[in-house]
């Protein structure tokens, strides 16, 4: 299993179509946001809000189980999500990152509050410490996808 992590605004969801377009090399590509509806809910719960933090470990376990179902057939998985290795201690890890000013611009365009954006910046700082190998998501999504696929092939 390959895990690409990144704080909100790094470009994880944006890079998925490019990974698929480039032919992800036999990987099943999954974005943790894909189970959520357009308002960020799963089973009526808004998972992507701080108030749902007590549910995040269970959500991570759901994703671990989904990846296990695929991997038992021998097909490798590339999972993209805002995780840390302590939350999902499997696989090889890569950090999709971008400069903080780019993240602020992207999240502002999504309508995030200043407090939510600063939380995302804090998450990015933490991820830089725990997942030192990174790809920068401030170029084109295609460039990021190519770098991710090169990392997978190593």
N, C-alpha and C. Protein backbone atom coordinates (compact mmCIF):
# COMPACT_ATOMS: atom_id res chain seq x y z
N UNK A 1 0.85 -1.18 0.00
CA UNK A 1 0.00 0.00 0.00
C UNK A 1 0.89 1.23 0.00
N UNK A 2 0.48 2.20 -0.78
CA UNK A 2 1.16 3.48 -0.88
C UNK A 2 0.19 4.54 -0.36
N UNK A 3 0.67 5.41 0.51
CA UNK A 3 -0.19 6.44 1.09
C UNK A 3 0.41 7.80 0.76
N UNK A 4 -0.40 8.64 0.12
CA UNK A 4 -0.02 10.02 -0.14
C UNK A 4 -0.86 10.87 0.80
N UNK A 5 -0.18 11.51 1.73
CA UNK A 5 -0.86 12.35 2.70
C UNK A 5 -0.65 13.82 2.35
N UNK A 6 -1.44 14.65 2.95
CA UNK A 6 -1.28 16.08 2.78
C UNK A 6 -2.38 16.80 3.53
N UNK A 7 -2.02 17.95 4.04
CA UNK A 7 -3.01 18.78 4.74
C UNK A 7 -4.01 19.31 3.71
N UNK A 8 -5.17 19.78 4.17
CA UNK A 8 -6.14 20.35 3.24
C UNK A 8 -5.51 21.41 2.34
N UNK A 9 -5.88 21.37 1.07
CA UNK A 9 -5.38 22.36 0.12
C UNK A 9 -4.10 21.96 -0.58
N UNK A 10 -3.54 20.78 -0.27
CA UNK A 10 -2.29 20.37 -0.89
C UNK A 10 -2.48 19.94 -2.34
N UNK A 11 -3.68 19.47 -2.69
CA UNK A 11 -3.94 19.04 -4.06
C UNK A 11 -4.21 17.56 -4.20
N UNK A 12 -4.52 16.88 -3.10
CA UNK A 12 -4.74 15.42 -3.15
C UNK A 12 -5.88 15.05 -4.08
N UNK A 13 -7.04 15.64 -3.90
CA UNK A 13 -8.18 15.30 -4.75
C UNK A 13 -7.97 15.76 -6.18
N UNK A 14 -7.28 16.86 -6.36
CA UNK A 14 -7.04 17.41 -7.69
C UNK A 14 -6.11 16.52 -8.51
N UNK A 15 -5.20 15.83 -7.84
CA UNK A 15 -4.22 15.00 -8.56
C UNK A 15 -4.80 13.65 -8.97
N UNK A 16 -5.88 13.21 -8.35
CA UNK A 16 -6.45 11.88 -8.65
C UNK A 16 -6.78 11.70 -10.13
N UNK A 17 -7.51 12.62 -10.78
CA UNK A 17 -7.80 12.41 -12.20
C UNK A 17 -6.54 12.30 -13.06
N UNK A 18 -5.50 13.04 -12.68
CA UNK A 18 -4.24 12.97 -13.44
C UNK A 18 -3.55 11.63 -13.22
N UNK A 19 -3.60 11.11 -12.00
CA UNK A 19 -3.03 9.78 -11.74
C UNK A 19 -3.72 8.74 -12.62
N UNK A 20 -5.03 8.83 -12.70
CA UNK A 20 -5.80 7.88 -13.50
C UNK A 20 -5.54 8.08 -15.00
N UNK A 21 -5.49 9.32 -15.42
CA UNK A 21 -5.24 9.62 -16.84
C UNK A 21 -3.87 9.11 -17.28
N UNK A 22 -2.88 9.24 -16.41
CA UNK A 22 -1.53 8.80 -16.74
C UNK A 22 -1.37 7.29 -16.66
N UNK A 23 -2.41 6.60 -16.22
CA UNK A 23 -2.34 5.16 -16.12
C UNK A 23 -1.54 4.77 -14.89
N UNK A 24 -2.19 4.70 -13.79
CA UNK A 24 -1.54 4.55 -12.49
C UNK A 24 -0.78 3.24 -12.33
N UNK A 25 -0.45 2.59 -13.43
CA UNK A 25 0.44 1.45 -13.37
C UNK A 25 -0.07 0.26 -12.60
N UNK A 26 -1.34 -0.08 -12.76
CA UNK A 26 -1.88 -1.24 -12.07
C UNK A 26 -2.32 -0.97 -10.65
N UNK A 27 -2.24 0.26 -10.23
CA UNK A 27 -2.68 0.65 -8.88
C UNK A 27 -4.18 0.92 -8.86
N UNK A 28 -4.79 0.64 -7.74
CA UNK A 28 -6.13 1.16 -7.48
C UNK A 28 -5.92 2.46 -6.72
N UNK A 29 -6.39 3.56 -7.29
CA UNK A 29 -6.21 4.88 -6.70
C UNK A 29 -7.48 5.26 -5.96
N UNK A 30 -7.34 5.61 -4.67
CA UNK A 30 -8.48 5.97 -3.83
C UNK A 30 -8.18 7.27 -3.09
N UNK A 31 -9.15 8.15 -3.07
CA UNK A 31 -9.07 9.40 -2.32
C UNK A 31 -10.06 9.29 -1.16
N UNK A 32 -9.62 9.55 0.05
CA UNK A 32 -10.50 9.40 1.21
C UNK A 32 -11.74 10.28 1.12
N UNK A 33 -11.68 11.35 0.35
CA UNK A 33 -12.85 12.22 0.18
C UNK A 33 -13.93 11.58 -0.68
N UNK A 34 -13.59 10.51 -1.39
CA UNK A 34 -14.55 9.93 -2.33
C UNK A 34 -15.75 9.28 -1.67
N UNK A 35 -15.67 8.94 -0.39
CA UNK A 35 -16.83 8.38 0.31
C UNK A 35 -17.78 9.46 0.81
N UNK A 36 -17.31 10.69 0.82
CA UNK A 36 -18.11 11.80 1.36
C UNK A 36 -19.00 12.40 0.28
N UNK A 37 -20.16 12.89 0.70
CA UNK A 37 -21.01 13.59 -0.27
C UNK A 37 -20.46 15.00 -0.50
N UNK A 38 -21.15 15.79 -1.32
CA UNK A 38 -20.66 17.13 -1.68
C UNK A 38 -20.56 18.09 -0.50
N UNK A 39 -21.16 17.74 0.63
CA UNK A 39 -21.07 18.58 1.82
C UNK A 39 -20.12 17.99 2.87
N UNK A 40 -19.37 16.94 2.47
CA UNK A 40 -18.39 16.35 3.37
C UNK A 40 -18.98 15.39 4.39
N UNK A 41 -20.15 14.83 4.09
CA UNK A 41 -20.81 13.93 5.03
C UNK A 41 -20.68 12.47 4.60
N UNK A 42 -20.67 11.61 5.61
CA UNK A 42 -20.76 10.17 5.42
C UNK A 42 -21.78 9.68 6.42
N UNK A 43 -22.81 9.01 5.93
CA UNK A 43 -23.90 8.54 6.78
C UNK A 43 -24.48 9.67 7.63
N UNK A 44 -24.58 10.85 7.03
CA UNK A 44 -25.18 11.99 7.70
C UNK A 44 -24.26 12.76 8.63
N UNK A 45 -23.02 12.29 8.80
CA UNK A 45 -22.07 12.97 9.70
C UNK A 45 -21.06 13.74 8.86
N UNK A 46 -20.87 15.01 9.19
CA UNK A 46 -19.90 15.83 8.46
C UNK A 46 -18.50 15.48 8.97
N UNK A 47 -17.86 14.56 8.28
CA UNK A 47 -16.59 13.97 8.70
C UNK A 47 -15.44 14.98 8.68
N UNK A 48 -15.47 15.91 7.76
CA UNK A 48 -14.32 16.79 7.58
C UNK A 48 -14.34 18.04 8.46
N UNK A 49 -15.09 18.01 9.55
CA UNK A 49 -15.09 19.13 10.50
C UNK A 49 -14.45 18.70 11.81
N UNK A 50 -13.88 19.64 12.52
CA UNK A 50 -13.20 19.36 13.78
C UNK A 50 -14.13 18.70 14.79
N UNK A 51 -15.40 19.02 14.75
CA UNK A 51 -16.35 18.42 15.69
C UNK A 51 -16.44 16.90 15.52
N UNK A 52 -16.08 16.41 14.34
CA UNK A 52 -16.14 14.97 14.07
C UNK A 52 -14.84 14.25 14.44
N UNK A 53 -13.89 14.96 15.02
CA UNK A 53 -12.58 14.37 15.34
C UNK A 53 -12.68 13.06 16.12
N UNK A 54 -13.62 12.90 17.05
CA UNK A 54 -13.71 11.60 17.74
C UNK A 54 -14.03 10.43 16.80
N UNK A 55 -14.61 10.72 15.63
CA UNK A 55 -14.96 9.67 14.68
C UNK A 55 -13.84 9.35 13.68
N UNK A 56 -12.81 10.20 13.62
CA UNK A 56 -11.77 10.02 12.63
C UNK A 56 -11.04 8.68 12.74
N UNK A 57 -10.74 8.18 13.94
CA UNK A 57 -10.10 6.85 14.00
C UNK A 57 -10.96 5.76 13.37
N UNK A 58 -12.27 5.80 13.58
CA UNK A 58 -13.16 4.81 12.97
C UNK A 58 -13.19 4.98 11.46
N UNK A 59 -13.21 6.22 10.98
CA UNK A 59 -13.19 6.48 9.54
C UNK A 59 -11.91 5.94 8.92
N UNK A 60 -10.78 6.15 9.60
CA UNK A 60 -9.51 5.62 9.11
C UNK A 60 -9.53 4.10 9.05
N UNK A 61 -10.16 3.46 10.04
CA UNK A 61 -10.26 2.00 10.03
C UNK A 61 -11.13 1.50 8.87
N UNK A 62 -12.16 2.26 8.54
CA UNK A 62 -12.98 1.90 7.37
C UNK A 62 -12.10 1.89 6.13
N UNK A 63 -11.27 2.92 5.98
CA UNK A 63 -10.40 2.99 4.82
C UNK A 63 -9.36 1.88 4.83
N UNK A 64 -8.83 1.55 5.99
CA UNK A 64 -7.89 0.45 6.08
C UNK A 64 -8.55 -0.84 5.62
N UNK A 65 -9.77 -1.07 6.04
CA UNK A 65 -10.50 -2.27 5.65
C UNK A 65 -10.78 -2.28 4.13
N UNK A 66 -11.17 -1.15 3.58
CA UNK A 66 -11.40 -1.06 2.14
C UNK A 66 -10.12 -1.40 1.38
N UNK A 67 -9.01 -0.85 1.82
CA UNK A 67 -7.74 -1.14 1.12
C UNK A 67 -7.36 -2.61 1.28
N UNK A 68 -7.64 -3.19 2.43
CA UNK A 68 -7.34 -4.62 2.63
C UNK A 68 -8.15 -5.49 1.67
N UNK A 69 -9.41 -5.12 1.45
CA UNK A 69 -10.26 -5.89 0.52
C UNK A 69 -9.68 -5.90 -0.89
N UNK A 70 -9.13 -4.77 -1.30
CA UNK A 70 -8.53 -4.70 -2.63
C UNK A 70 -7.18 -5.42 -2.64
N UNK A 71 -6.35 -5.15 -1.64
CA UNK A 71 -4.99 -5.70 -1.63
C UNK A 71 -4.97 -7.22 -1.50
N UNK A 72 -5.98 -7.82 -0.92
CA UNK A 72 -5.96 -9.28 -0.79
C UNK A 72 -6.04 -9.97 -2.15
N UNK A 73 -6.45 -9.23 -3.17
CA UNK A 73 -6.46 -9.79 -4.52
C UNK A 73 -5.11 -9.61 -5.21
N UNK A 74 -4.17 -9.00 -4.50
CA UNK A 74 -2.83 -8.80 -5.06
C UNK A 74 -2.65 -7.51 -5.82
N UNK A 75 -3.65 -6.64 -5.78
CA UNK A 75 -3.56 -5.36 -6.48
C UNK A 75 -3.12 -4.29 -5.49
N UNK A 76 -2.05 -3.57 -5.80
CA UNK A 76 -1.60 -2.52 -4.89
C UNK A 76 -2.55 -1.32 -4.89
N UNK A 77 -2.56 -0.63 -3.77
CA UNK A 77 -3.46 0.52 -3.57
C UNK A 77 -2.64 1.78 -3.34
N UNK A 78 -3.09 2.86 -3.93
CA UNK A 78 -2.56 4.19 -3.67
C UNK A 78 -3.69 4.98 -3.01
N UNK A 79 -3.55 5.25 -1.72
CA UNK A 79 -4.58 5.95 -0.95
C UNK A 79 -4.13 7.38 -0.68
N UNK A 80 -4.99 8.34 -0.99
CA UNK A 80 -4.70 9.74 -0.73
C UNK A 80 -5.63 10.22 0.37
N UNK A 81 -5.06 10.83 1.42
CA UNK A 81 -5.87 11.32 2.51
C UNK A 81 -5.04 12.11 3.51
N UNK A 82 -5.68 12.84 4.39
CA UNK A 82 -4.98 13.68 5.36
C UNK A 82 -4.57 12.90 6.61
N UNK A 83 -3.76 11.90 6.43
CA UNK A 83 -3.41 10.98 7.50
C UNK A 83 -1.98 11.18 7.98
N UNK A 84 -1.68 10.62 9.14
CA UNK A 84 -0.30 10.49 9.60
C UNK A 84 -0.02 9.00 9.75
N UNK A 85 1.24 8.61 9.70
CA UNK A 85 1.57 7.19 9.86
C UNK A 85 1.04 6.60 11.17
N UNK A 86 0.90 7.38 12.21
CA UNK A 86 0.36 6.84 13.47
C UNK A 86 -1.12 6.52 13.35
N UNK A 87 -1.83 7.17 12.43
CA UNK A 87 -3.25 6.92 12.24
C UNK A 87 -3.53 5.73 11.34
N UNK A 88 -2.60 5.41 10.48
CA UNK A 88 -2.75 4.28 9.55
C UNK A 88 -1.35 3.71 9.32
N UNK A 89 -0.89 2.89 10.26
CA UNK A 89 0.51 2.47 10.24
C UNK A 89 0.83 1.37 9.24
N UNK A 90 0.47 1.57 8.00
CA UNK A 90 0.78 0.61 6.95
C UNK A 90 1.29 1.36 5.74
N UNK A 91 2.05 0.66 4.93
CA UNK A 91 2.42 1.17 3.62
C UNK A 91 3.61 2.10 3.61
N UNK A 92 3.91 2.53 2.40
CA UNK A 92 4.95 3.54 2.16
C UNK A 92 4.27 4.90 2.12
N UNK A 93 4.95 5.92 2.63
CA UNK A 93 4.34 7.23 2.81
C UNK A 93 5.05 8.31 2.00
N UNK A 94 4.23 9.19 1.43
CA UNK A 94 4.70 10.36 0.71
C UNK A 94 3.81 11.53 1.10
N UNK A 95 4.42 12.70 1.22
CA UNK A 95 3.70 13.91 1.62
C UNK A 95 3.52 14.80 0.40
N UNK A 96 2.27 15.06 0.01
CA UNK A 96 1.97 16.06 -1.02
C UNK A 96 1.83 17.39 -0.30
N UNK A 97 2.70 18.31 -0.62
CA UNK A 97 2.78 19.57 0.13
C UNK A 97 2.72 20.74 -0.85
N UNK A 98 2.48 21.91 -0.31
CA UNK A 98 2.54 23.14 -1.09
C UNK A 98 2.90 24.26 -0.13
N UNK A 99 3.40 25.38 -0.65
CA UNK A 99 3.72 26.51 0.23
C UNK A 99 2.46 26.99 0.96
N UNK A 100 2.66 27.52 2.16
CA UNK A 100 1.53 27.96 2.98
C UNK A 100 0.70 29.04 2.29
N UNK A 101 1.34 29.94 1.53
CA UNK A 101 0.55 30.98 0.86
C UNK A 101 -0.35 30.38 -0.23
N UNK A 102 0.12 29.35 -0.90
CA UNK A 102 -0.71 28.66 -1.90
C UNK A 102 -1.88 27.97 -1.20
N UNK A 103 -1.60 27.31 -0.07
CA UNK A 103 -2.66 26.64 0.68
C UNK A 103 -3.71 27.66 1.14
N UNK A 104 -3.26 28.81 1.65
CA UNK A 104 -4.21 29.84 2.10
C UNK A 104 -5.11 30.28 0.95
N UNK A 105 -4.52 30.50 -0.22
CA UNK A 105 -5.30 30.94 -1.39
C UNK A 105 -6.32 29.88 -1.78
N UNK A 106 -5.90 28.63 -1.84
CA UNK A 106 -6.81 27.55 -2.23
C UNK A 106 -7.95 27.39 -1.24
N UNK A 107 -7.64 27.43 0.05
CA UNK A 107 -8.68 27.22 1.05
C UNK A 107 -9.60 28.43 1.17
N UNK A 108 -9.05 29.62 0.97
CA UNK A 108 -9.91 30.83 0.94
C UNK A 108 -10.91 30.73 -0.20
N UNK A 109 -10.46 30.24 -1.36
CA UNK A 109 -11.36 30.08 -2.51
C UNK A 109 -12.47 29.07 -2.22
N UNK A 110 -12.23 28.14 -1.29
CA UNK A 110 -13.26 27.17 -0.89
C UNK A 110 -14.20 27.74 0.17
N UNK A 111 -13.92 28.96 0.64
CA UNK A 111 -14.77 29.58 1.64
C UNK A 111 -14.39 29.23 3.08
N UNK A 112 -13.18 28.74 3.28
CA UNK A 112 -12.75 28.38 4.64
C UNK A 112 -12.51 29.65 5.46
N UNK A 113 -12.79 29.56 6.74
CA UNK A 113 -12.54 30.68 7.65
C UNK A 113 -11.04 30.78 7.94
N UNK A 114 -10.63 31.93 8.47
CA UNK A 114 -9.23 32.13 8.82
C UNK A 114 -8.77 31.08 9.84
N UNK A 115 -9.62 30.75 10.79
CA UNK A 115 -9.27 29.74 11.80
C UNK A 115 -9.09 28.36 11.17
N UNK A 116 -9.98 28.00 10.26
CA UNK A 116 -9.86 26.70 9.57
C UNK A 116 -8.58 26.64 8.74
N UNK A 117 -8.26 27.74 8.10
CA UNK A 117 -7.04 27.79 7.28
C UNK A 117 -5.81 27.64 8.17
N UNK A 118 -5.80 28.31 9.31
CA UNK A 118 -4.65 28.19 10.20
C UNK A 118 -4.53 26.77 10.76
N UNK A 119 -5.64 26.10 10.99
CA UNK A 119 -5.60 24.69 11.39
C UNK A 119 -4.95 23.84 10.29
N UNK A 120 -5.28 24.11 9.05
CA UNK A 120 -4.69 23.38 7.93
C UNK A 120 -3.20 23.65 7.82
N UNK A 121 -2.79 24.89 8.06
CA UNK A 121 -1.36 25.24 8.06
C UNK A 121 -0.65 24.47 9.16
N UNK A 122 -1.26 24.39 10.33
CA UNK A 122 -0.69 23.63 11.44
C UNK A 122 -0.56 22.15 11.06
N UNK A 123 -1.59 21.60 10.43
CA UNK A 123 -1.54 20.21 9.97
C UNK A 123 -0.38 20.00 9.00
N UNK A 124 -0.16 20.96 8.11
CA UNK A 124 0.93 20.85 7.15
C UNK A 124 2.28 20.84 7.85
N UNK A 125 2.43 21.67 8.86
CA UNK A 125 3.69 21.70 9.63
C UNK A 125 3.93 20.34 10.28
N UNK A 126 2.89 19.76 10.87
CA UNK A 126 3.02 18.45 11.50
C UNK A 126 3.40 17.38 10.48
N UNK A 127 2.74 17.39 9.33
CA UNK A 127 3.03 16.39 8.32
C UNK A 127 4.45 16.51 7.79
N UNK A 128 4.96 17.72 7.68
CA UNK A 128 6.35 17.91 7.23
C UNK A 128 7.33 17.24 8.19
N UNK A 129 6.96 17.17 9.46
CA UNK A 129 7.85 16.55 10.45
C UNK A 129 7.76 15.03 10.43
N UNK A 130 6.56 14.47 10.22
CA UNK A 130 6.39 13.02 10.35
C UNK A 130 6.49 12.27 9.02
N UNK A 131 6.37 12.97 7.90
CA UNK A 131 6.52 12.34 6.58
C UNK A 131 7.49 13.22 5.79
N UNK A 132 8.78 13.00 5.98
CA UNK A 132 9.77 13.92 5.39
C UNK A 132 9.89 13.84 3.86
N UNK A 133 9.52 12.73 3.26
CA UNK A 133 9.60 12.62 1.80
C UNK A 133 8.39 13.32 1.21
N UNK A 134 8.63 14.28 0.32
CA UNK A 134 7.49 15.04 -0.19
C UNK A 134 7.59 15.33 -1.68
N UNK A 135 6.43 15.60 -2.23
CA UNK A 135 6.23 16.10 -3.58
C UNK A 135 5.51 17.42 -3.41
N UNK A 136 5.87 18.40 -4.21
CA UNK A 136 5.23 19.71 -4.06
C UNK A 136 4.07 19.85 -5.02
N UNK A 137 2.90 20.13 -4.43
CA UNK A 137 1.66 20.24 -5.18
C UNK A 137 1.34 21.64 -5.63
N UNK A 138 2.37 22.49 -5.78
CA UNK A 138 2.08 23.85 -6.22
C UNK A 138 2.34 24.04 -7.71
N UNK A 139 2.73 22.97 -8.39
CA UNK A 139 2.86 23.00 -9.84
C UNK A 139 1.55 22.54 -10.45
N UNK A 140 1.62 21.94 -11.61
CA UNK A 140 0.39 21.44 -12.22
C UNK A 140 0.03 20.10 -11.59
N UNK A 141 -1.25 19.74 -11.60
CA UNK A 141 -1.64 18.42 -11.11
C UNK A 141 -0.94 17.29 -11.87
N UNK A 142 -0.72 17.49 -13.17
CA UNK A 142 -0.01 16.46 -13.95
C UNK A 142 1.42 16.28 -13.44
N UNK A 143 2.11 17.38 -13.15
CA UNK A 143 3.47 17.27 -12.62
C UNK A 143 3.48 16.51 -11.30
N UNK A 144 2.54 16.84 -10.42
CA UNK A 144 2.46 16.16 -9.14
C UNK A 144 2.18 14.67 -9.33
N UNK A 145 1.26 14.35 -10.25
CA UNK A 145 0.92 12.95 -10.51
C UNK A 145 2.13 12.19 -11.04
N UNK A 146 2.87 12.81 -11.92
CA UNK A 146 4.07 12.15 -12.46
C UNK A 146 5.08 11.88 -11.34
N UNK A 147 5.26 12.83 -10.45
CA UNK A 147 6.20 12.64 -9.33
C UNK A 147 5.71 11.53 -8.40
N UNK A 148 4.43 11.48 -8.14
CA UNK A 148 3.88 10.43 -7.27
C UNK A 148 4.08 9.06 -7.91
N UNK A 149 3.79 8.95 -9.19
CA UNK A 149 3.95 7.67 -9.87
C UNK A 149 5.42 7.24 -9.93
N UNK A 150 6.32 8.19 -10.09
CA UNK A 150 7.76 7.86 -10.07
C UNK A 150 8.15 7.32 -8.69
N UNK A 151 7.62 7.93 -7.64
CA UNK A 151 7.89 7.44 -6.28
C UNK A 151 7.36 6.03 -6.10
N UNK A 152 6.17 5.74 -6.59
CA UNK A 152 5.59 4.40 -6.48
C UNK A 152 6.49 3.37 -7.17
N UNK A 153 7.03 3.73 -8.31
CA UNK A 153 7.84 2.79 -9.10
C UNK A 153 9.23 2.55 -8.50
N UNK A 154 9.67 3.37 -7.56
CA UNK A 154 11.01 3.19 -6.97
C UNK A 154 11.13 1.86 -6.28
